[in-house]
């Protein structure tokens, strides 16, 4: 962090500006399963999706107390983004369909740009 004054003396009426580099990691996963009968045959479906982003940003802050600050703007940001998808459909014990995909890219600001670096798809179908 690069303060432009003494943060220990910051107050709401006399805030202290600063600039800081913040690291960010976001991750989310979703998983679901479904089972039914189709004309007397058991059918199961399974799905899993995951997304994550790891990066950082340069933020301009206003310290309003020695331990509290407000982000006033973000001057730059970048992140590596990953998304994975997996789908599986079975008829009884037999695999009927499988789809998986891994997408990797990066995002930068400014300017706001997304660059796809890798997109790998795998599909299996019993038909």
Protein backbone atom coordinates (compact mmCIF):
# COMPACT_ATOMS: atom_id res chain seq x y z
CA UNK A 1 0.00 0.00 0.00
CA UNK A 2 1.19 3.50 -0.82
CA UNK A 3 -0.47 6.08 1.47
CA UNK A 4 -0.26 9.80 0.71
CA UNK A 5 -0.20 10.75 4.39
CA UNK A 6 -0.32 9.29 7.91
CA UNK A 7 -3.10 6.68 8.00
CA UNK A 8 -3.05 6.62 11.82
CA UNK A 9 -4.52 10.16 11.75
CA UNK A 10 -7.24 9.46 9.13
CA UNK A 11 -10.81 10.55 9.96
CA UNK A 12 -14.05 10.95 8.02
CA UNK A 13 -13.52 14.72 7.91
CA UNK A 14 -9.83 14.34 7.03
CA UNK A 15 -9.43 11.17 4.89
CA UNK A 16 -6.03 9.97 3.69
CA UNK A 17 -5.74 8.86 0.03
CA UNK A 18 -3.79 5.70 -0.77
CA UNK A 19 -3.20 3.22 -3.57
CA UNK A 20 -3.04 -0.53 -3.01
CA UNK A 21 -2.55 -3.71 -5.02
CA UNK A 22 -5.14 -6.30 -4.01
CA UNK A 23 -5.00 -10.00 -4.85
CA UNK A 24 -8.33 -11.69 -5.55
CA UNK A 25 -9.32 -15.36 -5.80
CA UNK A 26 -12.89 -16.39 -6.60
CA UNK A 27 -14.05 -20.00 -6.96
CA UNK A 28 -17.51 -21.49 -7.40
CA UNK A 29 -18.68 -25.05 -8.11
CA UNK A 30 -22.11 -26.45 -8.89
CA UNK A 31 -22.98 -30.13 -8.93
CA UNK A 32 -26.27 -31.94 -9.57
CA UNK A 33 -27.55 -35.45 -10.24
CA UNK A 34 -30.85 -36.66 -11.65
CA UNK A 35 -32.37 -40.14 -11.93
CA UNK A 36 -35.56 -41.35 -13.64
CA UNK A 37 -37.00 -44.29 -15.58
CA UNK A 38 -37.46 -44.16 -19.33
CA UNK A 39 -39.68 -46.96 -20.65
CA UNK A 40 -38.70 -49.08 -17.66
CA UNK A 41 -34.92 -48.43 -17.99
CA UNK A 42 -33.07 -46.44 -15.31
CA UNK A 43 -31.53 -43.22 -16.63
CA UNK A 44 -29.10 -41.11 -14.59
CA UNK A 45 -27.57 -37.75 -15.39
CA UNK A 46 -24.74 -36.02 -13.59
CA UNK A 47 -23.43 -32.48 -14.08
CA UNK A 48 -20.59 -30.50 -12.52
CA UNK A 49 -19.45 -26.99 -13.36
CA UNK A 50 -16.60 -25.03 -11.78
CA UNK A 51 -15.38 -21.50 -12.39
CA UNK A 52 -12.44 -19.70 -10.85
CA UNK A 53 -10.58 -16.44 -11.30
CA UNK A 54 -7.24 -15.49 -9.79
CA UNK A 55 -5.83 -12.05 -10.26
CA UNK A 56 -5.41 -8.62 -8.82
CA UNK A 57 -6.30 -4.99 -9.10
CA UNK A 58 -4.81 -1.61 -8.36
CA UNK A 59 -7.33 0.30 -6.25
CA UNK A 60 -7.41 3.91 -5.11
CA UNK A 61 -8.60 4.22 -1.50
CA UNK A 62 -9.66 6.86 0.97
CA UNK A 63 -8.81 5.95 4.57
CA UNK A 64 -11.49 7.35 6.86
CA UNK A 65 -9.99 5.79 10.00
CA UNK A 66 -6.75 3.95 10.78
CA UNK A 67 -8.52 0.62 10.09
CA UNK A 68 -11.19 1.59 7.54
CA UNK A 69 -10.99 2.62 3.89
CA UNK A 70 -13.33 3.16 0.95
CA UNK A 71 -12.38 2.03 -2.56
CA UNK A 72 -12.90 5.08 -4.78
CA UNK A 73 -11.73 3.63 -8.10
CA UNK A 74 -9.94 0.73 -9.74
CA UNK A 75 -7.24 1.88 -12.13
CA UNK A 76 -6.26 -1.56 -13.49
CA UNK A 77 -7.14 -5.22 -13.06
CA UNK A 78 -6.14 -8.58 -14.48
CA UNK A 79 -7.14 -12.20 -13.87
CA UNK A 80 -6.62 -15.74 -15.11
CA UNK A 81 -10.04 -17.37 -15.61
CA UNK A 82 -10.81 -21.11 -15.70
CA UNK A 83 -14.11 -22.85 -16.35
CA UNK A 84 -14.67 -26.61 -16.39
CA UNK A 85 -17.85 -28.45 -17.34
CA UNK A 86 -18.64 -32.14 -17.06
CA UNK A 87 -21.87 -33.92 -18.08
CA UNK A 88 -22.56 -37.65 -17.94
CA UNK A 89 -25.72 -39.60 -18.98
CA UNK A 90 -26.12 -43.32 -18.33
CA UNK A 91 -28.76 -45.84 -19.32
CA UNK A 92 -28.55 -48.46 -16.60
CA UNK A 93 -24.83 -49.11 -16.11
CA UNK A 94 -23.95 -48.14 -19.72
CA UNK A 95 -22.50 -44.74 -20.49
CA UNK A 96 -24.59 -43.13 -23.24
CA UNK A 97 -23.15 -39.63 -23.42
CA UNK A 98 -20.27 -37.70 -21.85
CA UNK A 99 -19.20 -34.12 -22.43
CA UNK A 100 -16.30 -32.31 -20.79
CA UNK A 101 -14.79 -28.94 -21.50
CA UNK A 102 -11.95 -26.89 -20.05
CA UNK A 103 -11.71 -23.21 -20.95
CA UNK A 104 -8.81 -21.03 -19.83
CA UNK A 105 -8.48 -17.34 -20.55
CA UNK A 106 -7.35 -14.04 -19.14
CA UNK A 107 -9.00 -10.69 -18.57
CA UNK A 108 -7.32 -7.28 -18.39
CA UNK A 109 -8.54 -3.74 -17.75
CA UNK A 110 -7.93 -1.18 -19.25
CA UNK A 111 -8.98 -1.76 -21.91
CA UNK A 112 -11.45 -4.46 -20.95
CA UNK A 113 -10.22 -7.47 -22.96
CA UNK A 114 -10.80 -11.22 -22.61
CA UNK A 115 -8.26 -13.45 -24.37
CA UNK A 116 -9.08 -17.14 -24.83
CA UNK A 117 -5.91 -19.13 -24.26
CA UNK A 118 -7.15 -22.72 -24.35
CA UNK A 119 -10.47 -24.45 -25.07
CA UNK A 120 -10.43 -28.25 -24.86
CA UNK A 121 -13.61 -30.23 -25.56
CA UNK A 122 -14.20 -33.96 -25.26
CA UNK A 123 -17.42 -35.69 -26.32
CA UNK A 124 -18.39 -39.35 -26.14
CA UNK A 125 -21.64 -40.69 -27.51
CA UNK A 126 -22.70 -44.36 -27.62
CA UNK A 127 -24.66 -43.73 -30.83
